[in-house]
C-alpha cells in the first residue's frame, strides 16, 4: 500500500511539473521588438509638376501575442521634413511634421525551423530570428510643428493637423534590419498651397495629402 502511494505521488508530481512546463511553453510564444530608422519619399499634397520630397526618422514598436501565429499589432511615431524647390507659381515647401500611427497587421515567416529539439525555448528563439514579410493597415494622425512654406498665395495658417490611414509592408532580415514601404492618406492639404494670387489652385480641390515613404529600420530590442 505504501509503495502504491509512493508511486502515485511521483506520478502526480511528474504530471504537475509537465503541465506547468506546458504553460511556460505557451508564454514563450510572446515576442516584441523596438526599432528605429530613417526614411525618404514623396510628399504629395495635390501638386502640379514636381512633387516635394520628405526625409525623416521613425521609432516603431511591434508586439506578437504568439509568434507561432501570424497576427501582430504595434505603433509608430516619427518626424519628417517636407521640402521642394520653387515651383512654376513661385512657391516652395519647407515644413516639418510629426506623425503617429497605430496598426494591426499580419506577419508571414518566409522560412521554417528545421531544428529538432525537446526544449521549446530553443525552437521559439529560432522562430524569432527567421525572415518575415509584414503587412499592416492602421490609423494615422499628422501634426505640423514647423510651417515655413512660402510663395505667392501660400497660407501657412491652413496647415493644420490631419488624420487618415496608413498601409505599410516591411521585410525583416535575420540581422535585425528591415526595409519598409508605406503610403499614408490624410484628410487635408498639408502644404498651404490653397491659392495662387486670387486664382484657386484647382489641383488642391480634393483637400487630401498622400505621404509615400521608403526606409530602413534596425531592431535594437528584440525579445
C-alpha atoms as a PDB file:
ATOM      1  CA  UNK A   1       0.000   0.000   0.000  1.00  0.00           C
ATOM      2  CA  UNK A   2       2.805   2.408   0.957  1.00  0.00           C
ATOM      3  CA  UNK A   3       4.613   1.527  -2.259  1.00  0.00           C
ATOM      4  CA  UNK A   4       1.489   2.296  -4.301  1.00  0.00           C
ATOM      5  CA  UNK A   5       1.073   5.652  -2.532  1.00  0.00           C
ATOM      6  CA  UNK A   6       4.731   6.475  -3.185  1.00  0.00           C
ATOM      7  CA  UNK A   7       4.403   5.632  -6.909  1.00  0.00           C
ATOM      8  CA  UNK A   8       1.173   7.656  -7.171  1.00  0.00           C
ATOM      9  CA  UNK A   9       2.886  10.628  -5.525  1.00  0.00           C
ATOM     10  CA  UNK A  10       5.714  10.502  -8.079  1.00  0.00           C
ATOM     11  CA  UNK A  11       3.181  10.303 -10.925  1.00  0.00           C
ATOM     12  CA  UNK A  12       1.259  13.336  -9.633  1.00  0.00           C
ATOM     13  CA  UNK A  13       4.474  15.324  -9.218  1.00  0.00           C
ATOM     14  CA  UNK A  14       5.514  14.374 -12.779  1.00  0.00           C
ATOM     15  CA  UNK A  15       2.156  15.426 -14.235  1.00  0.00           C
ATOM     16  CA  UNK A  16       2.127  18.684 -12.299  1.00  0.00           C
ATOM     17  CA  UNK A  17       5.651  19.535 -13.477  1.00  0.00           C
ATOM     18  CA  UNK A  18       4.815  18.825 -17.126  1.00  0.00           C
ATOM     19  CA  UNK A  19       1.544  20.783 -17.015  1.00  0.00           C
ATOM     20  CA  UNK A  20       3.385  23.798 -15.624  1.00  0.00           C
ATOM     21  CA  UNK A  21       6.121  23.374 -18.240  1.00  0.00           C
ATOM     22  CA  UNK A  22       3.469  23.386 -20.973  1.00  0.00           C
ATOM     23  CA  UNK A  23       2.039  26.626 -19.550  1.00  0.00           C
ATOM     24  CA  UNK A  24       5.504  28.174 -19.669  1.00  0.00           C
ATOM     25  CA  UNK A  25       5.850  26.971 -23.261  1.00  0.00           C
ATOM     26  CA  UNK A  26       2.680  28.887 -24.189  1.00  0.00           C
ATOM     27  CA  UNK A  27       4.078  32.078 -22.628  1.00  0.00           C
ATOM     28  CA  UNK A  28       7.317  31.659 -24.607  1.00  0.00           C
ATOM     29  CA  UNK A  29       5.399  32.341 -27.809  1.00  0.00           C
ATOM     30  CA  UNK A  30       5.100  36.033 -26.877  1.00  0.00           C
ATOM     31  CA  UNK A  31       7.524  38.418 -28.555  1.00  0.00           C
ATOM     32  CA  UNK A  32       8.088  42.115 -29.190  1.00  0.00           C
ATOM     33  CA  UNK A  33      10.657  44.350 -30.807  1.00  0.00           C
ATOM     34  CA  UNK A  34      11.532  48.032 -30.814  1.00  0.00           C
ATOM     35  CA  UNK A  35      13.120  49.518 -33.931  1.00  0.00           C
ATOM     36  CA  UNK A  36      14.396  52.885 -35.105  1.00  0.00           C
ATOM     37  CA  UNK A  37      15.312  54.077 -38.562  1.00  0.00           C
ATOM     38  CA  UNK A  38      15.236  56.629 -41.348  1.00  0.00           C
ATOM     39  CA  UNK A  39      13.105  57.097 -44.456  1.00  0.00           C
ATOM     40  CA  UNK A  40      12.586  59.249 -47.514  1.00  0.00           C
ATOM     41  CA  UNK A  41       9.893  59.564 -50.154  1.00  0.00           C
ATOM     42  CA  UNK A  42       7.284  61.816 -51.758  1.00  0.00           C
ATOM     43  CA  UNK A  43       5.041  64.378 -50.073  1.00  0.00           C
ATOM     44  CA  UNK A  44       2.020  64.525 -52.394  1.00  0.00           C
ATOM     45  CA  UNK A  45      -0.345  67.344 -51.480  1.00  0.00           C
ATOM     46  CA  UNK A  46      -2.032  67.729 -54.891  1.00  0.00           C
ATOM     47  CA  UNK A  47       0.841  69.463 -56.616  1.00  0.00           C
ATOM     48  CA  UNK A  48       1.279  70.414 -60.229  1.00  0.00           C
ATOM     49  CA  UNK A  49       4.651  69.374 -61.666  1.00  0.00           C
ATOM     50  CA  UNK A  50       7.437  68.137 -59.380  1.00  0.00           C
ATOM     51  CA  UNK A  51       6.370  66.751 -56.004  1.00  0.00           C
ATOM     52  CA  UNK A  52       8.101  67.785 -52.754  1.00  0.00           C
ATOM     53  CA  UNK A  53      10.217  65.149 -51.027  1.00  0.00           C
ATOM     54  CA  UNK A  54      10.221  64.025 -47.421  1.00  0.00           C
ATOM     55  CA  UNK A  55      13.024  62.792 -45.202  1.00  0.00           C
ATOM     56  CA  UNK A  56      12.661  61.741 -41.591  1.00  0.00           C
ATOM     57  CA  UNK A  57      13.187  59.411 -38.653  1.00  0.00           C
ATOM     58  CA  UNK A  58      10.865  56.904 -37.012  1.00  0.00           C
ATOM     59  CA  UNK A  59      10.548  54.791 -33.866  1.00  0.00           C
ATOM     60  CA  UNK A  60       8.470  51.595 -34.042  1.00  0.00           C
ATOM     61  CA  UNK A  61       7.081  49.030 -31.576  1.00  0.00           C
ATOM     62  CA  UNK A  62       5.657  45.654 -32.707  1.00  0.00           C
ATOM     63  CA  UNK A  63       4.038  43.111 -30.384  1.00  0.00           C
ATOM     64  CA  UNK A  64       3.381  39.456 -31.263  1.00  0.00           C
ATOM     65  CA  UNK A  65       0.991  37.780 -28.765  1.00  0.00           C
ATOM     66  CA  UNK A  66       2.241  34.420 -30.083  1.00  0.00           C
ATOM     67  CA  UNK A  67       4.915  34.296 -32.782  1.00  0.00           C
ATOM     68  CA  UNK A  68       3.643  30.907 -33.935  1.00  0.00           C
ATOM     69  CA  UNK A  69       0.578  32.779 -35.244  1.00  0.00           C
ATOM     70  CA  UNK A  70       0.501  35.475 -37.918  1.00  0.00           C
ATOM     71  CA  UNK A  71      -1.307  38.299 -36.099  1.00  0.00           C
ATOM     72  CA  UNK A  72       0.549  41.232 -34.522  1.00  0.00           C
ATOM     73  CA  UNK A  73      -0.066  44.878 -33.714  1.00  0.00           C
ATOM     74  CA  UNK A  74       2.035  47.914 -32.974  1.00  0.00           C
ATOM     75  CA  UNK A  75       2.655  51.617 -33.178  1.00  0.00           C
ATOM     76  CA  UNK A  76       4.986  54.068 -34.845  1.00  0.00           C
ATOM     77  CA  UNK A  77       5.953  57.678 -34.128  1.00  0.00           C
ATOM     78  CA  UNK A  78       8.198  59.818 -36.271  1.00  0.00           C
ATOM     79  CA  UNK A  79       9.085  63.212 -37.641  1.00  0.00           C
ATOM     80  CA  UNK A  80       9.784  64.259 -41.208  1.00  0.00           C
ATOM     81  CA  UNK A  81      10.802  67.325 -43.186  1.00  0.00           C
ATOM     82  CA  UNK A  82       8.869  68.038 -46.409  1.00  0.00           C
ATOM     83  CA  UNK A  83      10.755  70.237 -48.879  1.00  0.00           C
ATOM     84  CA  UNK A  84      10.775  71.312 -52.516  1.00  0.00           C
ATOM     85  CA  UNK A  85      12.399  73.704 -54.953  1.00  0.00           C
ATOM     86  CA  UNK A  86      10.414  76.732 -56.129  1.00  0.00           C
ATOM     87  CA  UNK A  87       7.608  75.629 -58.447  1.00  0.00           C
ATOM     88  CA  UNK A  88       6.228  77.438 -61.526  1.00  0.00           C
ATOM     89  CA  UNK A  89       3.980  79.572 -59.284  1.00  0.00           C
ATOM     90  CA  UNK A  90       6.915  80.791 -57.159  1.00  0.00           C
ATOM     91  CA  UNK A  91       6.079  78.577 -54.157  1.00  0.00           C
ATOM     92  CA  UNK A  92       8.253  76.197 -52.160  1.00  0.00           C
ATOM     93  CA  UNK A  93       7.636  73.744 -49.329  1.00  0.00           C
ATOM     94  CA  UNK A  94       9.611  73.931 -46.083  1.00  0.00           C
ATOM     95  CA  UNK A  95       7.511  72.195 -43.396  1.00  0.00           C
ATOM     96  CA  UNK A  96       8.161  69.761 -40.529  1.00  0.00           C
ATOM     97  CA  UNK A  97       5.577  67.253 -39.279  1.00  0.00           C
ATOM     98  CA  UNK A  98       5.173  64.626 -36.567  1.00  0.00           C
ATOM     99  CA  UNK A  99       3.155  61.520 -37.445  1.00  0.00           C
ATOM    100  CA  UNK A 100       1.737  58.857 -35.105  1.00  0.00           C
ATOM    101  CA  UNK A 101       0.313  55.536 -36.325  1.00  0.00           C
ATOM    102  CA  UNK A 102      -1.374  52.586 -34.584  1.00  0.00           C
ATOM    103  CA  UNK A 103      -1.968  49.421 -36.578  1.00  0.00           C
ATOM    104  CA  UNK A 104      -2.873  45.726 -36.594  1.00  0.00           C
ATOM    105  CA  UNK A 105      -1.051  43.532 -39.075  1.00  0.00           C
ATOM    106  CA  UNK A 106      -0.279  40.082 -40.421  1.00  0.00           C
ATOM    107  CA  UNK A 107       3.211  38.578 -40.404  1.00  0.00           C
ATOM    108  CA  UNK A 108       4.354  35.785 -42.742  1.00  0.00           C
ATOM    109  CA  UNK A 109       7.526  33.806 -41.879  1.00  0.00           C
ATOM    110  CA  UNK A 110       9.483  33.156 -45.080  1.00  0.00           C
ATOM    111  CA  UNK A 111      11.318  30.104 -43.771  1.00  0.00           C
ATOM    112  CA  UNK A 112      10.550  27.251 -41.389  1.00  0.00           C
ATOM    113  CA  UNK A 113      12.502  25.910 -38.438  1.00  0.00           C
ATOM    114  CA  UNK A 114      14.317  22.631 -39.089  1.00  0.00           C
ATOM    115  CA  UNK A 115      15.740  22.356 -35.569  1.00  0.00           C
ATOM    116  CA  UNK A 116      14.754  19.178 -33.726  1.00  0.00           C
ATOM    117  CA  UNK A 117      14.759  19.861 -30.016  1.00  0.00           C
ATOM    118  CA  UNK A 118      12.793  18.840 -26.956  1.00  0.00           C
ATOM    119  CA  UNK A 119      13.457  22.236 -25.456  1.00  0.00           C
ATOM    120  CA  UNK A 120      10.641  24.554 -26.658  1.00  0.00           C
ATOM    121  CA  UNK A 121      12.669  27.608 -25.677  1.00  0.00           C
ATOM    122  CA  UNK A 122      15.256  26.868 -28.366  1.00  0.00           C
ATOM    123  CA  UNK A 123      12.607  26.391 -31.031  1.00  0.00           C
ATOM    124  CA  UNK A 124      10.849  29.648 -30.142  1.00  0.00           C
ATOM    125  CA  UNK A 125      14.141  31.541 -30.116  1.00  0.00           C
ATOM    126  CA  UNK A 126      14.888  30.223 -33.600  1.00  0.00           C
ATOM    127  CA  UNK A 127      11.478  31.275 -34.902  1.00  0.00           C
ATOM    128  CA  UNK A 128      12.085  34.829 -33.699  1.00  0.00           C
ATOM    129  CA  UNK A 129      15.159  35.080 -35.926  1.00  0.00           C
ATOM    130  CA  UNK A 130      13.675  33.997 -39.271  1.00  0.00           C
ATOM    131  CA  UNK A 131      12.997  36.334 -42.184  1.00  0.00           C
ATOM    132  CA  UNK A 132       9.449  37.743 -42.227  1.00  0.00           C
ATOM    133  CA  UNK A 133       7.161  39.729 -44.506  1.00  0.00           C
ATOM    134  CA  UNK A 134       4.735  42.008 -42.636  1.00  0.00           C
ATOM    135  CA  UNK A 135       1.656  43.881 -43.837  1.00  0.00           C
ATOM    136  CA  UNK A 136      -0.377  46.337 -41.728  1.00  0.00           C
ATOM    137  CA  UNK A 137      -3.175  48.881 -42.065  1.00  0.00           C
ATOM    138  CA  UNK A 138      -3.563  51.484 -39.345  1.00  0.00           C
ATOM    139  CA  UNK A 139      -4.881  54.832 -38.165  1.00  0.00           C
ATOM    140  CA  UNK A 140      -2.576  57.867 -38.561  1.00  0.00           C
ATOM    141  CA  UNK A 141      -2.529  61.409 -37.178  1.00  0.00           C
ATOM    142  CA  UNK A 142      -0.149  64.062 -38.561  1.00  0.00           C
ATOM    143  CA  UNK A 143       0.764  67.268 -36.700  1.00  0.00           C
ATOM    144  CA  UNK A 144       2.617  70.255 -38.235  1.00  0.00           C
ATOM    145  CA  UNK A 145       5.432  71.503 -35.969  1.00  0.00           C
ATOM    146  CA  UNK A 146       7.203  73.983 -38.289  1.00  0.00           C
ATOM    147  CA  UNK A 147       5.299  75.803 -41.058  1.00  0.00           C
ATOM    148  CA  UNK A 148       7.676  77.581 -43.421  1.00  0.00           C
ATOM    149  CA  UNK A 149       6.171  77.089 -46.883  1.00  0.00           C
ATOM    150  CA  UNK A 150       6.376  80.330 -48.810  1.00  0.00           C
ATOM    151  CA  UNK A 151       5.474  81.951 -52.108  1.00  0.00           C
ATOM    152  CA  UNK A 152       2.569  83.638 -53.863  1.00  0.00           C
ATOM    153  CA  UNK A 153      -0.771  82.559 -52.390  1.00  0.00           C
ATOM    154  CA  UNK A 154       0.695  80.243 -49.721  1.00  0.00           C
ATOM    155  CA  UNK A 155      -1.331  80.285 -46.493  1.00  0.00           C
ATOM    156  CA  UNK A 156       0.594  78.587 -43.670  1.00  0.00           C
ATOM    157  CA  UNK A 157      -2.413  79.155 -41.372  1.00  0.00           C
ATOM    158  CA  UNK A 158      -4.227  76.488 -43.379  1.00  0.00           C
ATOM    159  CA  UNK A 159      -1.593  73.881 -42.443  1.00  0.00           C
ATOM    160  CA  UNK A 160      -3.389  72.083 -39.611  1.00  0.00           C
ATOM    161  CA  UNK A 161      -3.335  68.585 -38.064  1.00  0.00           C
ATOM    162  CA  UNK A 162      -4.914  65.837 -40.137  1.00  0.00           C
ATOM    163  CA  UNK A 163      -5.996  62.223 -39.717  1.00  0.00           C
ATOM    164  CA  UNK A 164      -6.075  59.273 -42.082  1.00  0.00           C
ATOM    165  CA  UNK A 165      -4.924  55.725 -42.762  1.00  0.00           C
ATOM    166  CA  UNK A 166      -1.548  54.148 -43.469  1.00  0.00           C
ATOM    167  CA  UNK A 167      -0.797  50.963 -45.416  1.00  0.00           C
ATOM    168  CA  UNK A 168       2.656  49.508 -44.780  1.00  0.00           C
ATOM    169  CA  UNK A 169       4.666  46.499 -45.959  1.00  0.00           C
ATOM    170  CA  UNK A 170       8.019  45.516 -44.464  1.00  0.00           C
ATOM    171  CA  UNK A 171      10.597  42.796 -44.967  1.00  0.00           C
ATOM    172  CA  UNK A 172      12.547  41.634 -41.893  1.00  0.00           C
ATOM    173  CA  UNK A 173      16.044  40.215 -42.291  1.00  0.00           C
ATOM    174  CA  UNK A 174      17.914  37.959 -39.851  1.00  0.00           C
ATOM    175  CA  UNK A 175      20.412  40.646 -38.851  1.00  0.00           C
ATOM    176  CA  UNK A 176      17.731  42.809 -37.154  1.00  0.00           C
ATOM    177  CA  UNK A 177      17.468  45.067 -40.198  1.00  0.00           C
ATOM    178  CA  UNK A 178      14.187  45.543 -42.058  1.00  0.00           C
ATOM    179  CA  UNK A 179      13.129  47.627 -45.047  1.00  0.00           C
ATOM    180  CA  UNK A 180       9.650  49.080 -45.452  1.00  0.00           C
ATOM    181  CA  UNK A 181       7.308  50.851 -47.843  1.00  0.00           C
ATOM    182  CA  UNK A 182       4.276  52.841 -46.692  1.00  0.00           C
ATOM    183  CA  UNK A 183       1.531  55.034 -48.109  1.00  0.00           C
ATOM    184  CA  UNK A 184      -0.470  57.365 -45.877  1.00  0.00           C
ATOM    185  CA  UNK A 185      -3.635  59.224 -46.852  1.00  0.00           C
ATOM    186  CA  UNK A 186      -4.501  62.338 -44.810  1.00  0.00           C
ATOM    187  CA  UNK A 187      -7.847  64.154 -44.961  1.00  0.00           C
ATOM    188  CA  UNK A 188      -6.484  67.671 -45.673  1.00  0.00           C
ATOM    189  CA  UNK A 189      -3.852  69.615 -47.621  1.00  0.00           C
ATOM    190  CA  UNK A 190      -0.732  69.981 -45.510  1.00  0.00           C
ATOM    191  CA  UNK A 191       1.287  72.466 -47.570  1.00  0.00           C
ATOM    192  CA  UNK A 192      -0.827  75.649 -47.507  1.00  0.00           C
ATOM    193  CA  UNK A 193      -0.872  75.888 -51.323  1.00  0.00           C
ATOM    194  CA  UNK A 194      -4.552  76.833 -51.432  1.00  0.00           C
ATOM    195  CA  UNK A 195      -4.300  79.773 -53.870  1.00  0.00           C
ATOM    196  CA  UNK A 196      -2.039  81.342 -56.459  1.00  0.00           C
ATOM    197  CA  UNK A 197      -2.762  85.049 -56.140  1.00  0.00           C
ATOM    198  CA  UNK A 198      -6.534  85.410 -56.464  1.00  0.00           C
ATOM    199  CA  UNK A 199      -6.905  82.246 -58.577  1.00  0.00           C
ATOM    200  CA  UNK A 200      -7.704  78.950 -56.844  1.00  0.00           C
ATOM    201  CA  UNK A 201      -5.172  76.217 -57.466  1.00  0.00           C
ATOM    202  CA  UNK A 202      -7.527  73.581 -58.844  1.00  0.00           C
ATOM    203  CA  UNK A 203      -5.065  70.777 -58.116  1.00  0.00           C
ATOM    204  CA  UNK A 204      -5.816  71.266 -54.391  1.00  0.00           C
ATOM    205  CA  UNK A 205      -9.593  70.970 -54.640  1.00  0.00           C
ATOM    206  CA  UNK A 206      -9.637  67.425 -53.196  1.00  0.00           C
ATOM    207  CA  UNK A 207      -8.272  68.521 -49.796  1.00  0.00           C
ATOM    208  CA  UNK A 208      -6.153  65.407 -49.340  1.00  0.00           C
ATOM    209  CA  UNK A 209      -2.457  64.574 -48.842  1.00  0.00           C
ATOM    210  CA  UNK A 210      -0.531  61.388 -49.603  1.00  0.00           C
ATOM    211  CA  UNK A 211       2.772  60.667 -47.868  1.00  0.00           C
ATOM    212  CA  UNK A 212       4.836  57.914 -49.503  1.00  0.00           C
ATOM    213  CA  UNK A 213       7.852  56.530 -47.638  1.00  0.00           C
ATOM    214  CA  UNK A 214      10.641  54.028 -48.203  1.00  0.00           C
ATOM    215  CA  UNK A 215      13.006  53.351 -45.338  1.00  0.00           C
ATOM    216  CA  UNK A 216      15.182  51.065 -43.267  1.00  0.00           C
ATOM    217  CA  UNK A 217      14.826  50.083 -39.580  1.00  0.00           C
ATOM    218  CA  UNK A 218      17.175  48.479 -37.066  1.00  0.00           C
ATOM    219  CA  UNK A 219      15.685  46.434 -34.193  1.00  0.00           C
ATOM    220  CA  UNK A 220      17.766  47.333 -31.113  1.00  0.00           C
ATOM    221  CA  UNK A 221      15.449  45.424 -28.740  1.00  0.00           C
ATOM    222  CA  UNK A 222      14.124  42.020 -29.831  1.00  0.00           C
ATOM    223  CA  UNK A 223      12.627  39.796 -27.121  1.00  0.00           C
END
